[in-house]
Amino acid sequence: MKVYIGSFRNRLICNIHTRHMEKKYGLVDWPEGQDHKDAMLESIEDRVQGVYNVFNWLWSDRRTQKVKVRIDKWDTWSMDSTLASIILPMLKQLQETKHGAPHVDNADVPKRLHATKKQQEKYNKDGSTDPKFFERWDWLLDEMIWAFEQKTRDNWQDDYYGPYIESEDGKMLSGHFEWTDDKGRQAHQERMTNGFKLFGKYFENLWD
């Protein structure tokens, strides 16, 4: 396999007013009224951005992201493992660099992270987030990452088998494991499967 994915084309953006307002008032809750300096910087930003938009239209917006993918036949011999090796580092980077979170269903997270019915109704009405909103997405990403980490391990099942003891019965060799943890192995597999299920369900929310 050989993959080349170029970066997105950067558009020119003037943030002189935005940076001023964030520094003065914070990231949210800007006042409705602006003083003379606020209004002046907003006017300057609008004029400069107008010039930038002409360049963006002539250059950036007409160029597409370059994507080249070559798949070799051995890449699909164990396609799930091949994809896991690619998906895992991407999920880890997303977790470190994300700037937001999507809506996460209560059914997909532990009860301690659930939103109340009233909080859900408020979110559906005006997009208001509850105190656990971002924690739910963090938990989901952790579960996805854990699942793909296990998939990249060649023999995670070995954690649930003790030493193999060989014995000889006449001319026949036989053996058995000193101990096994079938319930633990099943629970491990079920958690992995759930992580992959969550990855599929929230696939379109994997953005930064």
Protein backbone atom coordinates (compact mmCIF):
# COMPACT_ATOMS: atom_id res chain seq x y z
CA MET A 1 0.00 0.00 0.00
CA LYS A 2 1.12 3.51 -0.78
CA VAL A 3 -0.98 6.53 0.15
CA TYR A 4 -0.39 10.20 -0.55
CA ILE A 5 -2.93 12.72 0.67
CA GLY A 6 -1.99 16.35 0.25
CA SER A 7 -3.02 19.10 2.62
CA PHE A 8 -6.12 21.19 2.11
CA ARG A 9 -5.60 24.47 0.29
CA ASN A 10 -5.26 27.27 2.80
CA ARG A 11 -7.56 30.23 2.26
CA LEU A 12 -6.48 33.73 3.24
CA ILE A 13 -8.48 34.95 6.22
CA CYS A 14 -8.26 38.30 8.00
CA ASN A 15 -8.86 37.93 11.73
CA ILE A 16 -7.79 41.34 13.02
CA HIS A 17 -11.24 42.11 14.48
CA THR A 18 -11.86 38.55 15.65
CA ARG A 19 -8.55 38.32 17.53
CA HIS A 20 -9.16 41.73 19.10
CA MET A 21 -12.62 40.71 20.33
CA GLU A 22 -11.41 37.36 21.66
CA LYS A 23 -8.60 39.03 23.57
CA LYS A 24 -10.91 41.72 24.94
CA TYR A 25 -14.05 39.70 25.72
CA GLY A 26 -13.06 36.03 25.49
CA LEU A 27 -14.09 33.36 23.01
CA VAL A 28 -17.84 33.75 23.59
CA ASP A 29 -20.43 36.23 24.86
CA TRP A 30 -19.31 39.29 22.91
CA PRO A 31 -21.46 42.34 23.76
CA GLU A 32 -24.03 43.42 21.20
CA GLY A 33 -22.81 47.00 21.15
CA GLN A 34 -19.25 47.84 20.04
CA ASP A 35 -17.11 50.83 20.93
CA HIS A 36 -15.34 52.93 18.29
CA LYS A 37 -12.21 50.74 18.15
CA ASP A 38 -14.22 47.53 17.88
CA ALA A 39 -16.26 48.93 15.00
CA MET A 40 -13.20 50.32 13.22
CA LEU A 41 -11.37 47.00 13.36
CA GLU A 42 -14.48 45.18 12.12
CA SER A 43 -14.65 47.55 9.14
CA ILE A 44 -10.95 47.01 8.37
CA GLU A 45 -11.37 43.24 8.62
CA ASP A 46 -14.32 43.30 6.20
CA ARG A 47 -12.39 45.38 3.64
CA VAL A 48 -9.23 43.27 3.83
CA GLN A 49 -11.23 40.04 3.68
CA GLY A 50 -12.93 41.33 0.54
CA VAL A 51 -9.52 41.59 -1.15
CA TYR A 52 -8.52 38.18 0.20
CA ASN A 53 -11.72 36.62 -1.19
CA VAL A 54 -10.75 37.68 -4.72
CA PHE A 55 -7.40 35.88 -4.36
CA ASN A 56 -9.08 32.86 -2.74
CA TRP A 57 -11.48 32.63 -5.69
CA LEU A 58 -8.67 32.95 -8.24
CA TRP A 59 -6.26 30.54 -6.55
CA SER A 60 -7.24 28.51 -3.48
CA ASP A 61 -10.84 27.65 -4.33
CA ARG A 62 -9.92 26.32 -7.78
CA ARG A 63 -7.32 23.86 -6.49
CA THR A 64 -8.36 20.47 -5.14
CA GLN A 65 -6.74 18.27 -2.52
CA LYS A 66 -4.42 15.71 -4.11
CA VAL A 67 -5.15 12.09 -3.19
CA LYS A 68 -3.23 9.10 -4.57
CA VAL A 69 -3.80 5.56 -3.27
CA ARG A 70 -2.18 2.34 -4.44
CA ILE A 71 -3.46 -0.91 -2.97
CA ASP A 72 -1.32 -4.05 -3.18
CA LYS A 73 -2.92 -7.49 -3.18
CA TRP A 74 -1.52 -8.36 0.26
CA ASP A 75 -3.24 -5.33 1.80
CA THR A 76 -6.55 -7.20 1.66
CA TRP A 77 -5.30 -10.54 2.95
CA SER A 78 -6.11 -9.21 6.42
CA MET A 79 -7.85 -5.98 5.55
CA ASP A 80 -9.19 -5.38 9.06
CA SER A 81 -5.68 -5.40 10.51
CA THR A 82 -4.33 -3.26 7.67
CA LEU A 83 -6.98 -0.60 8.23
CA ALA A 84 -6.54 -0.74 12.02
CA SER A 85 -2.88 0.26 11.62
CA ILE A 86 -3.98 3.37 9.71
CA ILE A 87 -7.07 4.27 11.72
CA LEU A 88 -5.43 4.03 15.15
CA PRO A 89 -2.87 6.88 14.78
CA MET A 90 -5.51 9.05 13.10
CA LEU A 91 -7.90 8.59 16.04
CA LYS A 92 -5.11 9.43 18.48
CA GLN A 93 -4.26 12.62 16.63
CA LEU A 94 -7.95 13.59 16.42
CA GLN A 95 -8.26 13.11 20.16
CA GLU A 96 -5.33 15.47 20.75
CA THR A 97 -6.31 18.19 18.26
CA LYS A 98 -10.13 18.19 18.21
CA HIS A 99 -11.88 21.53 18.65
CA GLY A 100 -15.42 20.37 19.26
CA ALA A 101 -17.72 17.41 19.71
CA PRO A 102 -20.87 16.01 18.11
CA HIS A 103 -24.06 14.98 19.87
CA VAL A 104 -23.59 11.55 21.48
CA ASP A 105 -26.54 9.32 22.37
CA ASN A 106 -26.96 8.40 26.03
CA ALA A 107 -27.25 4.74 25.03
CA ASP A 108 -23.64 4.74 23.82
CA VAL A 109 -21.98 5.91 27.06
CA PRO A 110 -22.02 4.90 30.75
CA LYS A 111 -24.91 6.17 32.85
CA ARG A 112 -22.63 8.60 34.73
CA LEU A 113 -22.23 10.55 31.46
CA HIS A 114 -25.91 10.67 30.52
CA ALA A 115 -27.66 13.93 29.76
CA THR A 116 -31.02 14.48 31.45
CA LYS A 117 -34.20 14.63 29.42
CA LYS A 118 -34.43 18.37 30.06
CA GLN A 119 -30.83 18.90 28.88
CA GLN A 120 -31.53 16.88 25.72
CA GLU A 121 -34.63 18.93 24.96
CA LYS A 122 -32.67 22.16 25.42
CA TYR A 123 -29.95 20.89 23.07
CA ASN A 124 -32.53 20.00 20.42
CA LYS A 125 -34.13 23.42 20.82
CA ASP A 126 -31.16 25.80 20.76
CA GLY A 127 -27.98 23.69 20.68
CA SER A 128 -27.11 24.28 24.35
CA THR A 129 -24.58 21.78 25.65
CA ASP A 130 -24.76 20.14 29.07
CA PRO A 131 -21.77 19.70 31.48
CA LYS A 132 -21.10 16.14 30.22
CA PHE A 133 -21.45 16.93 26.50
CA PHE A 134 -17.74 16.92 25.66
CA GLU A 135 -16.93 14.16 28.14
CA ARG A 136 -19.23 11.80 26.22
CA TRP A 137 -17.25 12.35 23.02
CA ASP A 138 -13.94 11.89 24.88
CA TRP A 139 -15.20 8.60 26.28
CA LEU A 140 -16.30 7.40 22.83
CA LEU A 141 -12.94 8.26 21.28
CA ASP A 142 -11.15 6.43 24.09
CA GLU A 143 -13.22 3.33 23.41
CA MET A 144 -12.55 3.49 19.66
CA ILE A 145 -8.82 3.93 20.27
CA TRP A 146 -8.74 1.04 22.73
CA ALA A 147 -10.54 -1.25 20.27
CA PHE A 148 -8.14 -0.50 17.43
CA GLU A 149 -5.15 -0.84 19.75
CA GLN A 150 -6.29 -4.37 20.55
CA LYS A 151 -6.79 -5.09 16.86
CA THR A 152 -3.19 -4.17 16.13
CA ARG A 153 -2.01 -6.67 18.76
CA ASP A 154 -1.31 -10.01 17.11
CA ASN A 155 -2.33 -12.18 20.05
CA TRP A 156 -4.41 -10.26 22.57
CA GLN A 157 -6.16 -13.53 23.40
CA ASP A 158 -2.95 -14.73 25.08
CA ASP A 159 -3.85 -12.52 28.06
CA TYR A 160 -6.55 -15.04 28.93
CA TYR A 161 -4.54 -18.27 28.78
CA GLY A 162 -2.01 -19.53 31.28
CA PRO A 163 1.17 -21.52 30.47
CA TYR A 164 0.75 -24.49 28.16
CA ILE A 165 1.70 -27.72 29.93
CA GLU A 166 2.71 -30.68 27.80
CA SER A 167 2.24 -34.25 28.95
CA GLU A 168 3.09 -37.64 27.47
CA ASP A 169 0.65 -40.52 27.40
CA GLY A 170 2.55 -43.49 26.06
CA LYS A 171 3.77 -42.43 22.61
CA MET A 172 1.23 -39.63 22.31
CA LEU A 173 1.97 -36.04 23.28
CA SER A 174 -0.83 -33.92 24.65
CA GLY A 175 -1.18 -30.86 26.76
CA HIS A 176 -3.42 -28.28 28.29
CA PHE A 177 -3.38 -24.71 29.49
CA GLU A 178 -2.73 -24.30 33.20
CA TRP A 179 -5.69 -21.92 33.35
CA THR A 180 -8.05 -20.06 31.04
CA ASP A 181 -10.34 -17.05 31.49
CA ASP A 182 -13.11 -17.54 28.97
CA LYS A 183 -15.40 -14.91 30.51
CA GLY A 184 -12.62 -12.34 30.48
CA ARG A 185 -11.78 -13.13 26.85
CA GLN A 186 -15.44 -12.82 25.85
CA ALA A 187 -15.80 -9.49 27.66
CA HIS A 188 -12.63 -8.25 25.94
CA GLN A 189 -13.99 -9.22 22.53
CA GLU A 190 -17.37 -7.62 23.24
CA ARG A 191 -15.70 -4.34 24.21
CA MET A 192 -13.65 -4.41 21.01
CA THR A 193 -16.75 -5.11 18.93
CA ASN A 194 -18.56 -2.23 20.59
CA GLY A 195 -15.63 0.10 19.84
CA PHE A 196 -15.81 -0.81 16.14
CA LYS A 197 -19.60 -0.34 16.23
CA LEU A 198 -19.16 3.15 17.68
CA PHE A 199 -16.56 3.94 15.00
CA GLY A 200 -19.10 3.06 12.32
CA LYS A 201 -21.97 4.92 13.96
CA TYR A 202 -20.00 8.14 14.48
CA PHE A 203 -17.84 7.85 11.36
CA GLU A 204 -19.18 11.09 9.88
CA ASN A 205 -18.37 12.94 13.11
CA LEU A 206 -14.64 12.20 12.93
CA TRP A 207 -13.57 15.74 12.18
CA ASP A 208 -11.28 18.26 13.81
